[in-house]
Amino acid sequence: MDHTAEGHAGGHHWEVSIYPFIIALGIFLLAPMAFGLIFEYKMLGIGLAFFVVGLICVFIGVLGWVNEAIGQKELGYSLTGLPIFIVSETMIFLSLFSAYWMMRLSADTWPPEGSPEIGVVLPVFMTIILISSSVTFHIGEGKLDEGDKAGFKTWLLITMALGLLFLGCTIYEYNHLIHEGFRWGTNAKSTAFYSITGFHASHVFIGLGIFLFLLIPALRGKTNMTFTMAAGTYWHFVDIIWFFVVSQIYFW
C-alpha cells in the first residue's frame, strides 16, 4: 500500500502539514518584526502586539505539528537531525565561553570593580535539581517503554516541576544581583555572567516547552518513543552544559 496516499486519505499528514508555515510566520512576527518595531522604530505597543501574536503562532504551530506527527510509527531523521542541532548549539556555547576566557585571562584584576560576591550554594542546589530532572525523565522513558503511560506522565510532570524550580532559582538570583547593582552593563563580568547563564536558562525554557508538547498529546493517550527519546537527549545536553557553566562562571 502507498503510505503517502494512505496518509492523505486518512486526513492531514504531518509531512505535508500547514503547521511549519504557521511556525515560520510566528518566528517572523516575534523576531524581526517585533524587534524592529520596538528597538528601531520605538513603537513599543505595536511591537509587543506582534511579539505576542508571533508567540501564539509558534505555540499553535509546534503543538499542531507534534500532534499530527506523534501518532506516526516512522519519523525519518528525527534522532539523526537532533545531534546535528546539538553540535551547532555546542558551538554557540563554546563561542560564549571563549569570549569569557579571553576577558578573564587578559584582565589585570578579576573580578572587575563593581562585582558583588556571588555565592556558590545556590548554583550547587541548581545543579542537584538538574541532575535529578535527568534521572526523573529517564525513569519516565522507562515507564513509556514498558507501556505504562500513566507512569510516564507522572514522571514527566515531576521533571517539568524540577525544570521550573531551576528557572525560579535563576530568577531569584538575577533579582538579588540586580538589586545589588550588578546589571548587564555593569562590567565585563556582568556581561559574561548574564550572557552565559541567560543563554543556558533559555535552553531550559525551551526544554520545558518540548516537554509540554509531549505532555498535551500524552494526556489524550498519544505518545511516541522517538519523540520522547529526542526530548530526553536535548534535556540531557542542557544538563551537561550546566556543569561547564557552573565550573567556569561560579567556581573560577
C-alpha atoms as a PDB file:
ATOM      1  CA  MET A   1       0.000   0.000   0.000  1.00  0.00           C
ATOM      2  CA  ASP A   2       1.144   3.538  -0.751  1.00  0.00           C
ATOM      3  CA  HIS A   3       1.747   5.032   2.692  1.00  0.00           C
ATOM      4  CA  THR A   4       1.736   8.568   1.317  1.00  0.00           C
ATOM      5  CA  ALA A   5      -1.637   8.058  -0.255  1.00  0.00           C
ATOM      6  CA  GLU A   6      -2.846   6.411   2.930  1.00  0.00           C
ATOM      7  CA  GLY A   7      -1.690   9.431   4.931  1.00  0.00           C
ATOM      8  CA  HIS A   8      -3.610  11.832   2.678  1.00  0.00           C
ATOM      9  CA  ALA A   9      -6.686   9.620   2.638  1.00  0.00           C
ATOM     10  CA  GLY A  10      -6.747   9.360   6.406  1.00  0.00           C
ATOM     11  CA  GLY A  11      -6.586  13.110   6.914  1.00  0.00           C
ATOM     12  CA  HIS A  12      -3.905  15.744   7.229  1.00  0.00           C
ATOM     13  CA  HIS A  13      -0.471  14.108   7.065  1.00  0.00           C
ATOM     14  CA  TRP A  14       2.355  15.596   9.126  1.00  0.00           C
ATOM     15  CA  GLU A  15       4.828  15.561   6.226  1.00  0.00           C
ATOM     16  CA  VAL A  16       2.662  17.990   4.209  1.00  0.00           C
ATOM     17  CA  SER A  17       1.354  19.906   7.209  1.00  0.00           C
ATOM     18  CA  ILE A  18       0.485  23.598   7.222  1.00  0.00           C
ATOM     19  CA  TYR A  19       1.885  23.936  10.751  1.00  0.00           C
ATOM     20  CA  PRO A  20       5.542  24.560   9.721  1.00  0.00           C
ATOM     21  CA  PHE A  21       4.272  27.591   7.801  1.00  0.00           C
ATOM     22  CA  ILE A  22       2.463  28.788  10.928  1.00  0.00           C
ATOM     23  CA  ILE A  23       5.687  28.315  12.933  1.00  0.00           C
ATOM     24  CA  ALA A  24       7.712  30.265  10.360  1.00  0.00           C
ATOM     25  CA  LEU A  25       5.109  33.050  10.359  1.00  0.00           C
ATOM     26  CA  GLY A  26       5.249  33.192  14.147  1.00  0.00           C
ATOM     27  CA  ILE A  27       9.036  33.418  14.209  1.00  0.00           C
ATOM     28  CA  PHE A  28       8.900  36.190  11.603  1.00  0.00           C
ATOM     29  CA  LEU A  29       6.414  38.167  13.709  1.00  0.00           C
ATOM     30  CA  LEU A  30       8.106  37.721  17.101  1.00  0.00           C
ATOM     31  CA  ALA A  31      11.698  38.160  15.920  1.00  0.00           C
ATOM     32  CA  PRO A  32      12.447  40.613  13.060  1.00  0.00           C
ATOM     33  CA  MET A  33       9.066  42.363  13.060  1.00  0.00           C
ATOM     34  CA  ALA A  34       8.677  42.781  16.817  1.00  0.00           C
ATOM     35  CA  PHE A  35      12.324  43.637  17.480  1.00  0.00           C
ATOM     36  CA  GLY A  36      12.447  46.070  14.566  1.00  0.00           C
ATOM     37  CA  LEU A  37       9.319  47.886  15.720  1.00  0.00           C
ATOM     38  CA  ILE A  38      10.463  48.033  19.348  1.00  0.00           C
ATOM     39  CA  PHE A  39      14.163  48.850  19.026  1.00  0.00           C
ATOM     40  CA  GLU A  40      14.422  50.573  15.643  1.00  0.00           C
ATOM     41  CA  TYR A  41      11.118  52.433  15.297  1.00  0.00           C
ATOM     42  CA  LYS A  42      10.405  52.780  19.067  1.00  0.00           C
ATOM     43  CA  MET A  43       6.827  51.520  18.607  1.00  0.00           C
ATOM     44  CA  LEU A  44       6.610  49.567  21.856  1.00  0.00           C
ATOM     45  CA  GLY A  45       2.876  48.820  21.850  1.00  0.00           C
ATOM     46  CA  ILE A  46       2.677  47.556  18.267  1.00  0.00           C
ATOM     47  CA  GLY A  47       5.965  45.674  18.653  1.00  0.00           C
ATOM     48  CA  LEU A  48       4.726  43.850  21.752  1.00  0.00           C
ATOM     49  CA  ALA A  49       1.481  43.007  19.934  1.00  0.00           C
ATOM     50  CA  PHE A  50       3.476  41.446  17.068  1.00  0.00           C
ATOM     51  CA  PHE A  51       5.582  39.572  19.616  1.00  0.00           C
ATOM     52  CA  VAL A  52       2.538  38.115  21.384  1.00  0.00           C
ATOM     53  CA  VAL A  53       0.808  37.134  18.121  1.00  0.00           C
ATOM     54  CA  GLY A  54       4.046  35.562  16.888  1.00  0.00           C
ATOM     55  CA  LEU A  55       4.476  33.630  20.124  1.00  0.00           C
ATOM     56  CA  ILE A  56       0.916  32.310  19.853  1.00  0.00           C
ATOM     57  CA  CYS A  57       1.539  31.251  16.237  1.00  0.00           C
ATOM     58  CA  VAL A  58       4.705  29.383  17.235  1.00  0.00           C
ATOM     59  CA  PHE A  59       2.887  27.635  20.082  1.00  0.00           C
ATOM     60  CA  ILE A  60      -0.058  26.616  17.889  1.00  0.00           C
ATOM     61  CA  GLY A  61       2.260  25.570  15.063  1.00  0.00           C
ATOM     62  CA  VAL A  62       4.536  23.382  17.173  1.00  0.00           C
ATOM     63  CA  LEU A  63       1.656  21.847  19.120  1.00  0.00           C
ATOM     64  CA  GLY A  64      -0.309  21.127  15.948  1.00  0.00           C
ATOM     65  CA  TRP A  65       2.653  19.639  14.091  1.00  0.00           C
ATOM     66  CA  VAL A  66       3.676  17.453  17.030  1.00  0.00           C
ATOM     67  CA  ASN A  67       0.060  16.347  17.471  1.00  0.00           C
ATOM     68  CA  GLU A  68      -0.048  15.237  13.838  1.00  0.00           C
ATOM     69  CA  ALA A  69       3.354  13.549  13.853  1.00  0.00           C
ATOM     70  CA  ILE A  70       3.287  11.889  17.246  1.00  0.00           C
ATOM     71  CA  GLY A  71       0.987   9.136  16.056  1.00  0.00           C
ATOM     72  CA  GLN A  72       3.374   8.103  13.249  1.00  0.00           C
ATOM     73  CA  LYS A  73       5.465   4.982  13.670  1.00  0.00           C
ATOM     74  CA  GLU A  74       8.337   6.182  11.485  1.00  0.00           C
ATOM     75  CA  LEU A  75       9.684   9.694  11.965  1.00  0.00           C
ATOM     76  CA  GLY A  76      12.524   9.658   9.463  1.00  0.00           C
ATOM     77  CA  TYR A  77      15.613  11.543  10.605  1.00  0.00           C
ATOM     78  CA  SER A  78      14.287  12.802  13.950  1.00  0.00           C
ATOM     79  CA  LEU A  79      17.039  11.195  16.021  1.00  0.00           C
ATOM     80  CA  THR A  80      19.688  11.857  13.365  1.00  0.00           C
ATOM     81  CA  GLY A  81      18.931  15.549  12.994  1.00  0.00           C
ATOM     82  CA  LEU A  82      18.893  16.264  16.724  1.00  0.00           C
ATOM     83  CA  PRO A  83      22.618  15.545  17.311  1.00  0.00           C
ATOM     84  CA  ILE A  84      23.430  17.899  14.433  1.00  0.00           C
ATOM     85  CA  PHE A  85      21.359  20.595  16.141  1.00  0.00           C
ATOM     86  CA  ILE A  86      23.089  19.883  19.471  1.00  0.00           C
ATOM     87  CA  VAL A  87      26.514  20.242  17.862  1.00  0.00           C
ATOM     88  CA  SER A  88      25.505  23.644  16.479  1.00  0.00           C
ATOM     89  CA  GLU A  89      24.285  24.715  19.923  1.00  0.00           C
ATOM     90  CA  THR A  90      27.531  23.486  21.450  1.00  0.00           C
ATOM     91  CA  MET A  91      29.461  25.759  19.084  1.00  0.00           C
ATOM     92  CA  ILE A  92      27.416  28.757  20.279  1.00  0.00           C
ATOM     93  CA  PHE A  93      28.131  27.930  23.913  1.00  0.00           C
ATOM     94  CA  LEU A  94      31.805  27.438  23.056  1.00  0.00           C
ATOM     95  CA  SER A  95      31.965  30.905  21.484  1.00  0.00           C
ATOM     96  CA  LEU A  96      30.473  32.426  24.649  1.00  0.00           C
ATOM     97  CA  PHE A  97      32.912  30.549  26.866  1.00  0.00           C
ATOM     98  CA  SER A  98      35.828  31.524  24.602  1.00  0.00           C
ATOM     99  CA  ALA A  99      34.916  35.196  24.914  1.00  0.00           C
ATOM    100  CA  TYR A 100      34.716  34.801  28.693  1.00  0.00           C
ATOM    101  CA  TRP A 101      38.096  33.052  28.843  1.00  0.00           C
ATOM    102  CA  MET A 102      39.708  35.829  26.797  1.00  0.00           C
ATOM    103  CA  MET A 103      38.318  38.511  29.129  1.00  0.00           C
ATOM    104  CA  ARG A 104      39.194  36.519  32.236  1.00  0.00           C
ATOM    105  CA  LEU A 105      42.783  35.721  31.241  1.00  0.00           C
ATOM    106  CA  SER A 106      43.620  39.120  29.786  1.00  0.00           C
ATOM    107  CA  ALA A 107      42.261  41.136  32.712  1.00  0.00           C
ATOM    108  CA  ASP A 108      44.767  42.725  35.096  1.00  0.00           C
ATOM    109  CA  THR A 109      42.414  42.174  38.019  1.00  0.00           C
ATOM    110  CA  TRP A 110      39.433  39.851  38.296  1.00  0.00           C
ATOM    111  CA  PRO A 111      36.648  40.268  39.184  1.00  0.00           C
ATOM    112  CA  PRO A 112      36.360  43.840  37.920  1.00  0.00           C
ATOM    113  CA  GLU A 113      35.362  46.676  40.202  1.00  0.00           C
ATOM    114  CA  GLY A 114      31.652  46.684  40.953  1.00  0.00           C
ATOM    115  CA  SER A 115      31.280  42.907  41.063  1.00  0.00           C
ATOM    116  CA  PRO A 116      29.489  41.591  44.162  1.00  0.00           C
ATOM    117  CA  GLU A 117      30.318  38.292  45.791  1.00  0.00           C
ATOM    118  CA  ILE A 118      28.325  35.570  44.009  1.00  0.00           C
ATOM    119  CA  GLY A 119      27.662  32.635  46.305  1.00  0.00           C
ATOM    120  CA  VAL A 120      28.068  29.006  45.299  1.00  0.00           C
ATOM    121  CA  VAL A 121      25.354  27.443  47.470  1.00  0.00           C
ATOM    122  CA  LEU A 122      22.527  28.309  45.077  1.00  0.00           C
ATOM    123  CA  PRO A 123      24.285  27.047  41.907  1.00  0.00           C
ATOM    124  CA  VAL A 124      25.153  23.787  43.696  1.00  0.00           C
ATOM    125  CA  PHE A 125      21.481  23.418  44.599  1.00  0.00           C
ATOM    126  CA  MET A 126      20.539  24.184  40.984  1.00  0.00           C
ATOM    127  CA  THR A 127      22.998  21.509  39.822  1.00  0.00           C
ATOM    128  CA  ILE A 128      21.288  18.946  42.065  1.00  0.00           C
ATOM    129  CA  ILE A 129      17.932  19.989  40.598  1.00  0.00           C
ATOM    130  CA  LEU A 130      19.080  19.475  37.007  1.00  0.00           C
ATOM    131  CA  ILE A 131      20.749  16.137  37.742  1.00  0.00           C
ATOM    132  CA  SER A 132      17.555  14.992  39.434  1.00  0.00           C
ATOM    133  CA  SER A 133      15.473  16.116  36.457  1.00  0.00           C
ATOM    134  CA  SER A 134      17.579  13.979  34.097  1.00  0.00           C
ATOM    135  CA  VAL A 135      17.047  10.997  36.386  1.00  0.00           C
ATOM    136  CA  THR A 136      13.285  11.535  36.600  1.00  0.00           C
ATOM    137  CA  PHE A 137      12.956  11.883  32.834  1.00  0.00           C
ATOM    138  CA  HIS A 138      14.994   8.710  32.327  1.00  0.00           C
ATOM    139  CA  ILE A 139      12.603   6.897  34.669  1.00  0.00           C
ATOM    140  CA  GLY A 140       9.699   8.292  32.645  1.00  0.00           C
ATOM    141  CA  GLU A 141      11.251   6.984  29.425  1.00  0.00           C
ATOM    142  CA  GLY A 142      11.470   3.561  31.019  1.00  0.00           C
ATOM    143  CA  LYS A 143       7.814   3.699  32.009  1.00  0.00           C
ATOM    144  CA  LEU A 144       6.799   4.595  28.463  1.00  0.00           C
ATOM    145  CA  ASP A 145       8.950   1.795  27.048  1.00  0.00           C
ATOM    146  CA  GLU A 146       7.094  -0.601  29.361  1.00  0.00           C
ATOM    147  CA  GLY A 147       3.741   0.695  28.124  1.00  0.00           C
ATOM    148  CA  ASP A 148       2.953   2.485  31.385  1.00  0.00           C
ATOM    149  CA  LYS A 149       1.584   5.765  30.010  1.00  0.00           C
ATOM    150  CA  ALA A 150       0.281   6.907  33.403  1.00  0.00           C
ATOM    151  CA  GLY A 151       3.729   6.460  34.926  1.00  0.00           C
ATOM    152  CA  PHE A 152       5.295   8.296  32.016  1.00  0.00           C
ATOM    153  CA  LYS A 153       3.007  11.296  32.519  1.00  0.00           C
ATOM    154  CA  THR A 154       3.712  11.347  36.253  1.00  0.00           C
ATOM    155  CA  TRP A 155       7.492  11.361  35.845  1.00  0.00           C
ATOM    156  CA  LEU A 156       7.267  13.879  33.003  1.00  0.00           C
ATOM    157  CA  LEU A 157       5.339  16.242  35.279  1.00  0.00           C
ATOM    158  CA  ILE A 158       7.952  15.762  38.017  1.00  0.00           C
ATOM    159  CA  THR A 159      10.694  16.593  35.517  1.00  0.00           C
ATOM    160  CA  MET A 160       8.855  19.727  34.411  1.00  0.00           C
ATOM    161  CA  ALA A 161       8.395  20.798  38.038  1.00  0.00           C
ATOM    162  CA  LEU A 162      12.159  20.464  38.617  1.00  0.00           C
ATOM    163  CA  GLY A 163      12.853  22.485  35.470  1.00  0.00           C
ATOM    164  CA  LEU A 164      10.516  25.228  36.655  1.00  0.00           C
ATOM    165  CA  LEU A 165      12.227  25.195  40.057  1.00  0.00           C
ATOM    166  CA  PHE A 166      15.581  25.674  38.299  1.00  0.00           C
ATOM    167  CA  LEU A 167      14.248  28.692  36.393  1.00  0.00           C
ATOM    168  CA  GLY A 168      12.777  30.038  39.628  1.00  0.00           C
ATOM    169  CA  CYS A 169      16.236  29.866  41.213  1.00  0.00           C
ATOM    170  CA  THR A 170      17.683  31.738  38.223  1.00  0.00           C
ATOM    171  CA  ILE A 171      15.076  34.492  38.543  1.00  0.00           C
ATOM    172  CA  TYR A 172      15.734  34.722  42.295  1.00  0.00           C
ATOM    173  CA  GLU A 173      19.492  35.030  41.725  1.00  0.00           C
ATOM    174  CA  TYR A 174      19.082  37.655  38.994  1.00  0.00           C
ATOM    175  CA  ASN A 175      16.740  39.702  41.163  1.00  0.00           C
ATOM    176  CA  HIS A 176      19.186  39.585  44.079  1.00  0.00           C
ATOM    177  CA  LEU A 177      22.179  40.606  41.951  1.00  0.00           C
ATOM    178  CA  ILE A 178      20.322  43.379  40.127  1.00  0.00           C
ATOM    179  CA  HIS A 179      19.265  44.892  43.455  1.00  0.00           C
ATOM    180  CA  GLU A 180      22.956  44.919  44.405  1.00  0.00           C
ATOM    181  CA  GLY A 181      23.679  46.959  41.271  1.00  0.00           C
ATOM    182  CA  PHE A 182      25.125  44.062  39.269  1.00  0.00           C
ATOM    183  CA  ARG A 183      23.377  44.571  35.929  1.00  0.00           C
ATOM    184  CA  TRP A 184      24.043  43.616  32.308  1.00  0.00           C
ATOM    185  CA  GLY A 185      26.366  46.530  31.552  1.00  0.00           C
ATOM    186  CA  THR A 186      27.996  46.950  34.955  1.00  0.00           C
ATOM    187  CA  ASN A 187      31.323  45.479  33.822  1.00  0.00           C
ATOM    188  CA  ALA A 188      32.838  42.671  31.747  1.00  0.00           C
ATOM    189  CA  LYS A 189      31.971  40.044  34.332  1.00  0.00           C
ATOM    190  CA  SER A 190      28.291  41.015  34.447  1.00  0.00           C
ATOM    191  CA  THR A 191      28.054  40.873  30.657  1.00  0.00           C
ATOM    192  CA  ALA A 192      29.604  37.412  30.576  1.00  0.00           C
ATOM    193  CA  PHE A 193      27.583  36.217  33.555  1.00  0.00           C
ATOM    194  CA  TYR A 194      24.169  37.216  32.198  1.00  0.00           C
ATOM    195  CA  SER A 195      25.024  36.164  28.635  1.00  0.00           C
ATOM    196  CA  ILE A 196      26.108  32.636  29.532  1.00  0.00           C
ATOM    197  CA  THR A 197      23.670  31.874  32.335  1.00  0.00           C
ATOM    198  CA  GLY A 198      20.827  33.549  30.458  1.00  0.00           C
ATOM    199  CA  PHE A 199      21.542  31.598  27.277  1.00  0.00           C
ATOM    200  CA  HIS A 200      21.529  28.381  29.272  1.00  0.00           C
ATOM    201  CA  ALA A 201      18.300  29.352  31.035  1.00  0.00           C
ATOM    202  CA  SER A 202      16.687  29.931  27.634  1.00  0.00           C
ATOM    203  CA  HIS A 203      17.551  26.328  26.735  1.00  0.00           C
ATOM    204  CA  VAL A 204      15.920  25.114  29.948  1.00  0.00           C
ATOM    205  CA  PHE A 205      12.834  27.135  28.998  1.00  0.00           C
ATOM    206  CA  ILE A 206      12.810  25.574  25.511  1.00  0.00           C
ATOM    207  CA  GLY A 207      13.213  22.120  27.057  1.00  0.00           C
ATOM    208  CA  LEU A 208      10.166  22.733  29.227  1.00  0.00           C
ATOM    209  CA  GLY A 209       8.273  23.762  26.091  1.00  0.00           C
ATOM    210  CA  ILE A 210       9.271  20.478  24.443  1.00  0.00           C
ATOM    211  CA  PHE A 211       8.030  18.574  27.481  1.00  0.00           C
ATOM    212  CA  LEU A 212       4.747  20.480  27.335  1.00  0.00           C
ATOM    213  CA  PHE A 213       4.294  19.428  23.718  1.00  0.00           C
ATOM    214  CA  LEU A 214       4.887  15.835  24.827  1.00  0.00           C
ATOM    215  CA  LEU A 215       2.519  16.127  27.778  1.00  0.00           C
ATOM    216  CA  ILE A 216      -0.519  17.550  25.992  1.00  0.00           C
ATOM    217  CA  PRO A 217      -0.840  14.662  23.481  1.00  0.00           C
ATOM    218  CA  ALA A 218       0.027  12.183  26.278  1.00  0.00           C
ATOM    219  CA  LEU A 219      -2.964  13.431  28.275  1.00  0.00           C
ATOM    220  CA  ARG A 220      -5.048  12.402  25.263  1.00  0.00           C
ATOM    221  CA  GLY A 221      -3.385   8.994  25.118  1.00  0.00           C
ATOM    222  CA  LYS A 222      -0.975   9.795  22.253  1.00  0.00           C
ATOM    223  CA  THR A 223       2.713   9.064  22.865  1.00  0.00           C
ATOM    224  CA  ASN A 224       5.748   8.368  20.716  1.00  0.00           C
ATOM    225  CA  MET A 225       9.001   6.825  21.868  1.00  0.00           C
ATOM    226  CA  THR A 226      11.077   8.542  19.163  1.00  0.00           C
ATOM    227  CA  PHE A 227       9.839  11.991  20.187  1.00  0.00           C
ATOM    228  CA  THR A 228      10.414  11.137  23.827  1.00  0.00           C
ATOM    229  CA  MET A 229      13.994   9.982  23.194  1.00  0.00           C
ATOM    230  CA  ALA A 230      14.711  13.153  21.210  1.00  0.00           C
ATOM    231  CA  ALA A 231      13.335  15.315  24.037  1.00  0.00           C
ATOM    232  CA  GLY A 232      15.414  13.402  26.575  1.00  0.00           C
ATOM    233  CA  THR A 233      18.590  13.782  24.507  1.00  0.00           C
ATOM    234  CA  TYR A 234      18.065  17.549  24.352  1.00  0.00           C
ATOM    235  CA  TRP A 235      17.385  17.768  28.092  1.00  0.00           C
ATOM    236  CA  HIS A 236      20.490  15.743  28.994  1.00  0.00           C
ATOM    237  CA  PHE A 237      22.530  18.048  26.743  1.00  0.00           C
ATOM    238  CA  VAL A 238      21.228  21.089  28.644  1.00  0.00           C
ATOM    239  CA  ASP A 239      22.196  19.407  31.916  1.00  0.00           C
ATOM    240  CA  ILE A 240      25.726  18.637  30.707  1.00  0.00           C
ATOM    241  CA  ILE A 241      26.250  22.229  29.549  1.00  0.00           C
ATOM    242  CA  TRP A 242      25.262  23.411  33.025  1.00  0.00           C
ATOM    243  CA  PHE A 243      28.326  21.689  34.511  1.00  0.00           C
ATOM    244  CA  PHE A 244      30.522  23.887  32.292  1.00  0.00           C
ATOM    245  CA  VAL A 245      28.522  26.992  33.282  1.00  0.00           C
ATOM    246  CA  VAL A 246      28.895  26.254  36.994  1.00  0.00           C
ATOM    247  CA  SER A 247      32.587  25.399  36.837  1.00  0.00           C
ATOM    248  CA  GLN A 248      33.558  28.436  34.754  1.00  0.00           C
ATOM    249  CA  ILE A 249      31.212  31.164  35.999  1.00  0.00           C
ATOM    250  CA  TYR A 250      30.796  30.316  39.673  1.00  0.00           C
ATOM    251  CA  PHE A 251      33.906  28.381  40.695  1.00  0.00           C
ATOM    252  CA  TRP A 252      36.644  30.020  38.613  1.00  0.00           C
END
